[in-house]
Amino acid sequence: MHPLHHTLFIEFIIHFNYEEDYFECHEVGEEYWKMVAPKDKMHPLTGWIQLAVGMYHWRRSNYPGALRSFIRSRVKLTNAGIWTEGFDEKQLIHSLTQAIEAVTERKPFVPFQVAITSKELENMIADYRKQHPIDAQDPYYLMHKHRLRDRSSIINLREQRKRRNLEL
């Protein structure tokens, strides 16, 4: 199977192109990256994740965070080989470059889609969307998702780790 046909990457593209839910892009992208290339921060998959993080920061007017993420993403997605197959890589890099310029000039957020060139990938995305319909999300929630989500499991896990470290 082509690595960009994995279910988690399909979800990433749906969150990015159709829902503009960049926080979820980060979540599923990171889960996939941990399976494919854990700890390899230069892996092209981290470029996709940083693209989504840049969009999330830009939407929230965090221009320095968006700029850092976009610059790192562009480096990793330029000539990324198999990790951009099925996408218009030239358009992707152009969109990233435009986003970098817009963020540098502190322009308002403007979403863009990643152009898919693979019919097979388009069909896989369409099939997934039919099987997993998503209700429209509240724009305020999408913008502030990292603050508004339920973090109790994360907090509990951190507390358990602290207790274990104290016991050592």
C-alpha atoms as a PDB file:
ATOM      1  CA  MET A   1       0.000   0.000   0.000  1.00  0.00           C
ATOM      2  CA  HIS A   2       1.185   3.501  -0.804  1.00  0.00           C
ATOM      3  CA  PRO A   3       1.966   5.294   2.500  1.00  0.00           C
ATOM      4  CA  LEU A   4      -0.352   8.187   1.647  1.00  0.00           C
ATOM      5  CA  HIS A   5      -3.247   5.736   1.240  1.00  0.00           C
ATOM      6  CA  HIS A   6      -3.159   4.842   4.931  1.00  0.00           C
ATOM      7  CA  THR A   7      -6.422   5.593   6.737  1.00  0.00           C
ATOM      8  CA  LEU A   8      -4.765   8.119   9.056  1.00  0.00           C
ATOM      9  CA  PHE A   9      -3.385  10.091   6.125  1.00  0.00           C
ATOM     10  CA  ILE A  10      -6.770   9.942   4.372  1.00  0.00           C
ATOM     11  CA  GLU A  11      -8.265  11.422   7.556  1.00  0.00           C
ATOM     12  CA  PHE A  12      -5.522  14.072   7.582  1.00  0.00           C
ATOM     13  CA  ILE A  13      -6.427  15.235   4.063  1.00  0.00           C
ATOM     14  CA  ILE A  14     -10.149  15.239   4.824  1.00  0.00           C
ATOM     15  CA  HIS A  15      -9.585  17.345   7.929  1.00  0.00           C
ATOM     16  CA  PHE A  16      -7.353  19.701   5.927  1.00  0.00           C
ATOM     17  CA  ASN A  17      -9.195  20.070   2.624  1.00  0.00           C
ATOM     18  CA  TYR A  18     -12.830  19.591   3.564  1.00  0.00           C
ATOM     19  CA  GLU A  19     -13.211  20.495   7.230  1.00  0.00           C
ATOM     20  CA  GLU A  20     -10.383  22.975   7.791  1.00  0.00           C
ATOM     21  CA  ASP A  21      -9.886  21.240  11.141  1.00  0.00           C
ATOM     22  CA  TYR A  22      -6.140  21.723  11.395  1.00  0.00           C
ATOM     23  CA  PHE A  23      -5.978  20.589  15.008  1.00  0.00           C
ATOM     24  CA  GLU A  24      -7.317  17.157  14.036  1.00  0.00           C
ATOM     25  CA  CYS A  25      -4.857  17.095  11.122  1.00  0.00           C
ATOM     26  CA  HIS A  26      -2.106  17.418  13.703  1.00  0.00           C
ATOM     27  CA  GLU A  27      -3.585  14.693  15.886  1.00  0.00           C
ATOM     28  CA  VAL A  28      -3.993  12.050  13.161  1.00  0.00           C
ATOM     29  CA  GLY A  29      -0.776  13.109  11.421  1.00  0.00           C
ATOM     30  CA  GLU A  30       1.210  12.690  14.608  1.00  0.00           C
ATOM     31  CA  GLU A  31      -0.372   9.306  15.295  1.00  0.00           C
ATOM     32  CA  TYR A  32       0.638   8.145  11.810  1.00  0.00           C
ATOM     33  CA  TRP A  33       4.136   9.636  12.107  1.00  0.00           C
ATOM     34  CA  LYS A  34       4.684   7.737  15.367  1.00  0.00           C
ATOM     35  CA  MET A  35       3.870   4.525  13.476  1.00  0.00           C
ATOM     36  CA  VAL A  36       6.016   5.311  10.415  1.00  0.00           C
ATOM     37  CA  ALA A  37       9.053   7.219  11.641  1.00  0.00           C
ATOM     38  CA  PRO A  38       8.961   7.836  15.387  1.00  0.00           C
ATOM     39  CA  LYS A  39      11.433  10.435  16.580  1.00  0.00           C
ATOM     40  CA  ASP A  40      12.552  11.289  13.008  1.00  0.00           C
ATOM     41  CA  LYS A  41      11.733  14.994  13.075  1.00  0.00           C
ATOM     42  CA  MET A  42      13.057  15.466   9.533  1.00  0.00           C
ATOM     43  CA  HIS A  43      10.664  12.903   8.020  1.00  0.00           C
ATOM     44  CA  PRO A  44       8.419  14.387   5.293  1.00  0.00           C
ATOM     45  CA  LEU A  45       5.343  13.357   7.264  1.00  0.00           C
ATOM     46  CA  THR A  46       6.351  15.955   9.858  1.00  0.00           C
ATOM     47  CA  GLY A  47       6.193  18.481   7.013  1.00  0.00           C
ATOM     48  CA  TRP A  48       2.523  17.647   6.514  1.00  0.00           C
ATOM     49  CA  ILE A  49       1.924  17.984  10.256  1.00  0.00           C
ATOM     50  CA  GLN A  50       3.734  21.329  10.346  1.00  0.00           C
ATOM     51  CA  LEU A  51       1.612  22.527   7.425  1.00  0.00           C
ATOM     52  CA  ALA A  52      -1.521  21.887   9.492  1.00  0.00           C
ATOM     53  CA  VAL A  53       0.022  23.449  12.607  1.00  0.00           C
ATOM     54  CA  GLY A  54       0.910  26.531  10.560  1.00  0.00           C
ATOM     55  CA  MET A  55      -2.685  26.834   9.373  1.00  0.00           C
ATOM     56  CA  TYR A  56      -3.968  26.454  12.936  1.00  0.00           C
ATOM     57  CA  HIS A  57      -1.613  29.171  14.205  1.00  0.00           C
ATOM     58  CA  TRP A  58      -2.365  31.489  11.295  1.00  0.00           C
ATOM     59  CA  ARG A  59      -6.118  31.189  11.879  1.00  0.00           C
ATOM     60  CA  ARG A  60      -5.504  32.222  15.497  1.00  0.00           C
ATOM     61  CA  SER A  61      -3.263  35.154  14.403  1.00  0.00           C
ATOM     62  CA  ASN A  62      -0.212  33.541  15.977  1.00  0.00           C
ATOM     63  CA  TYR A  63       2.018  34.798  13.182  1.00  0.00           C
ATOM     64  CA  PRO A  64       5.393  33.767  14.661  1.00  0.00           C
ATOM     65  CA  GLY A  65       4.162  30.194  15.272  1.00  0.00           C
ATOM     66  CA  ALA A  66       2.622  30.001  11.808  1.00  0.00           C
ATOM     67  CA  LEU A  67       5.774  31.298  10.143  1.00  0.00           C
ATOM     68  CA  ARG A  68       8.041  28.777  11.909  1.00  0.00           C
ATOM     69  CA  SER A  69       5.706  25.919  11.038  1.00  0.00           C
ATOM     70  CA  PHE A  70       5.315  26.910   7.381  1.00  0.00           C
ATOM     71  CA  ILE A  71       9.058  27.360   6.844  1.00  0.00           C
ATOM     72  CA  ARG A  72       9.808  23.953   8.357  1.00  0.00           C
ATOM     73  CA  SER A  73       7.005  22.368   6.366  1.00  0.00           C
ATOM     74  CA  ARG A  74       8.210  23.775   3.061  1.00  0.00           C
ATOM     75  CA  VAL A  75      11.720  22.433   3.632  1.00  0.00           C
ATOM     76  CA  LYS A  76      10.430  18.931   4.350  1.00  0.00           C
ATOM     77  CA  LEU A  77       7.807  18.795   1.592  1.00  0.00           C
ATOM     78  CA  THR A  78      10.043  20.101  -1.184  1.00  0.00           C
ATOM     79  CA  ASN A  79      11.239  17.113  -3.215  1.00  0.00           C
ATOM     80  CA  ALA A  80       9.684  14.744  -0.681  1.00  0.00           C
ATOM     81  CA  GLY A  81       9.326  11.933  -3.214  1.00  0.00           C
ATOM     82  CA  ILE A  82       6.753   9.328  -2.283  1.00  0.00           C
ATOM     83  CA  TRP A  83       5.410  11.565   0.501  1.00  0.00           C
ATOM     84  CA  THR A  84       3.906  14.033  -1.973  1.00  0.00           C
ATOM     85  CA  GLU A  85       2.946  11.569  -4.733  1.00  0.00           C
ATOM     86  CA  GLY A  86      -0.665  12.018  -5.724  1.00  0.00           C
ATOM     87  CA  PHE A  87      -0.555  15.742  -4.968  1.00  0.00           C
ATOM     88  CA  ASP A  88       0.385  18.733  -7.079  1.00  0.00           C
ATOM     89  CA  GLU A  89       3.734  19.312  -5.354  1.00  0.00           C
ATOM     90  CA  LYS A  90       4.410  22.520  -7.290  1.00  0.00           C
ATOM     91  CA  GLN A  91       1.071  23.952  -6.157  1.00  0.00           C
ATOM     92  CA  LEU A  92       1.686  22.772  -2.593  1.00  0.00           C
ATOM     93  CA  ILE A  93       5.050  24.543  -2.382  1.00  0.00           C
ATOM     94  CA  HIS A  94       3.556  27.630  -4.046  1.00  0.00           C
ATOM     95  CA  SER A  95       0.709  27.700  -1.488  1.00  0.00           C
ATOM     96  CA  LEU A  96       3.219  27.332   1.340  1.00  0.00           C
ATOM     97  CA  THR A  97       5.327  30.160  -0.087  1.00  0.00           C
ATOM     98  CA  GLN A  98       2.262  32.385  -0.372  1.00  0.00           C
ATOM     99  CA  ALA A  99       1.272  31.512   3.198  1.00  0.00           C
ATOM    100  CA  ILE A 100       4.773  32.424   4.409  1.00  0.00           C
ATOM    101  CA  GLU A 101       4.532  35.788   2.631  1.00  0.00           C
ATOM    102  CA  ALA A 102       1.027  36.458   3.996  1.00  0.00           C
ATOM    103  CA  VAL A 103       2.013  35.566   7.554  1.00  0.00           C
ATOM    104  CA  THR A 104       5.177  37.673   7.304  1.00  0.00           C
ATOM    105  CA  GLU A 105       3.000  40.617   6.253  1.00  0.00           C
ATOM    106  CA  ARG A 106       0.481  39.785   9.018  1.00  0.00           C
ATOM    107  CA  LYS A 107      -2.348  39.303   6.564  1.00  0.00           C
ATOM    108  CA  PRO A 108      -5.584  37.672   7.708  1.00  0.00           C
ATOM    109  CA  PHE A 109      -5.995  33.918   7.525  1.00  0.00           C
ATOM    110  CA  VAL A 110      -6.949  32.484   4.143  1.00  0.00           C
ATOM    111  CA  PRO A 111      -7.448  28.713   3.947  1.00  0.00           C
ATOM    112  CA  PHE A 112      -6.247  26.743   0.958  1.00  0.00           C
ATOM    113  CA  GLN A 113      -6.624  23.174  -0.165  1.00  0.00           C
ATOM    114  CA  VAL A 114      -3.915  20.761  -1.185  1.00  0.00           C
ATOM    115  CA  ALA A 115      -4.528  19.786  -4.816  1.00  0.00           C
ATOM    116  CA  ILE A 116      -4.920  16.036  -5.263  1.00  0.00           C
ATOM    117  CA  THR A 117      -3.776  14.644  -8.619  1.00  0.00           C
ATOM    118  CA  SER A 118      -4.308  10.924  -7.969  1.00  0.00           C
ATOM    119  CA  LYS A 119      -7.717   9.557  -8.971  1.00  0.00           C
ATOM    120  CA  GLU A 120      -7.119   6.583  -6.688  1.00  0.00           C
ATOM    121  CA  LEU A 121      -6.507   8.872  -3.710  1.00  0.00           C
ATOM    122  CA  GLU A 122      -9.537  11.012  -4.615  1.00  0.00           C
ATOM    123  CA  ASN A 123     -11.706   7.880  -4.727  1.00  0.00           C
ATOM    124  CA  MET A 124     -10.364   6.663  -1.379  1.00  0.00           C
ATOM    125  CA  ILE A 125     -11.142  10.041   0.187  1.00  0.00           C
ATOM    126  CA  ALA A 126     -14.657  10.089  -1.316  1.00  0.00           C
ATOM    127  CA  ASP A 127     -15.343   6.559  -0.047  1.00  0.00           C
ATOM    128  CA  TYR A 128     -14.076   7.416   3.435  1.00  0.00           C
ATOM    129  CA  ARG A 129     -16.204  10.567   3.569  1.00  0.00           C
ATOM    130  CA  LYS A 130     -19.322   8.582   2.590  1.00  0.00           C
ATOM    131  CA  GLN A 131     -18.667   6.054   5.344  1.00  0.00           C
ATOM    132  CA  HIS A 132     -17.765   8.696   7.966  1.00  0.00           C
ATOM    133  CA  PRO A 133     -19.916  11.784   7.488  1.00  0.00           C
ATOM    134  CA  ILE A 134     -18.938  14.707   9.686  1.00  0.00           C
ATOM    135  CA  ASP A 135     -21.247  17.448  10.908  1.00  0.00           C
ATOM    136  CA  ALA A 136     -20.141  21.009  10.303  1.00  0.00           C
ATOM    137  CA  GLN A 137     -18.037  22.316  13.188  1.00  0.00           C
ATOM    138  CA  ASP A 138     -18.496  25.600  14.976  1.00  0.00           C
ATOM    139  CA  PRO A 139     -15.810  28.021  13.653  1.00  0.00           C
ATOM    140  CA  TYR A 140     -15.035  29.233  17.195  1.00  0.00           C
ATOM    141  CA  TYR A 141     -14.456  25.655  18.323  1.00  0.00           C
ATOM    142  CA  LEU A 142     -12.171  24.940  15.346  1.00  0.00           C
ATOM    143  CA  MET A 143     -10.160  28.056  16.130  1.00  0.00           C
ATOM    144  CA  HIS A 144      -9.692  27.298  19.828  1.00  0.00           C
ATOM    145  CA  LYS A 145      -9.937  23.514  19.839  1.00  0.00           C
ATOM    146  CA  HIS A 146      -6.755  22.918  21.820  1.00  0.00           C
ATOM    147  CA  ARG A 147      -8.216  24.916  24.713  1.00  0.00           C
ATOM    148  CA  LEU A 148     -11.809  23.715  24.520  1.00  0.00           C
ATOM    149  CA  ARG A 149     -11.311  19.941  24.208  1.00  0.00           C
ATOM    150  CA  ASP A 150     -11.554  17.513  27.111  1.00  0.00           C
ATOM    151  CA  ARG A 151      -8.000  17.088  28.396  1.00  0.00           C
ATOM    152  CA  SER A 152      -8.768  15.009  31.496  1.00  0.00           C
ATOM    153  CA  SER A 153      -7.107  11.844  30.111  1.00  0.00           C
ATOM    154  CA  ILE A 154      -3.938  13.787  29.244  1.00  0.00           C
ATOM    155  CA  ILE A 155      -3.839  15.421  32.681  1.00  0.00           C
ATOM    156  CA  ASN A 156      -4.396  12.044  34.412  1.00  0.00           C
ATOM    157  CA  LEU A 157      -1.581  10.457  32.395  1.00  0.00           C
ATOM    158  CA  ARG A 158       0.801  13.280  33.345  1.00  0.00           C
ATOM    159  CA  GLU A 159      -0.095  12.903  37.011  1.00  0.00           C
ATOM    160  CA  GLN A 160       0.573   9.158  36.853  1.00  0.00           C
ATOM    161  CA  ARG A 161       3.988   9.795  35.305  1.00  0.00           C
ATOM    162  CA  LYS A 162       4.846  12.357  37.982  1.00  0.00           C
ATOM    163  CA  ARG A 163       3.916   9.888  40.724  1.00  0.00           C
ATOM    164  CA  ARG A 164       6.019   7.157  39.107  1.00  0.00           C
ATOM    165  CA  ASN A 165       9.002   9.491  38.812  1.00  0.00           C
ATOM    166  CA  LEU A 166       8.679  10.466  42.488  1.00  0.00           C
ATOM    167  CA  GLU A 167       8.656   6.789  43.478  1.00  0.00           C
ATOM    168  CA  LEU A 168      11.948   6.162  41.672  1.00  0.00           C
END
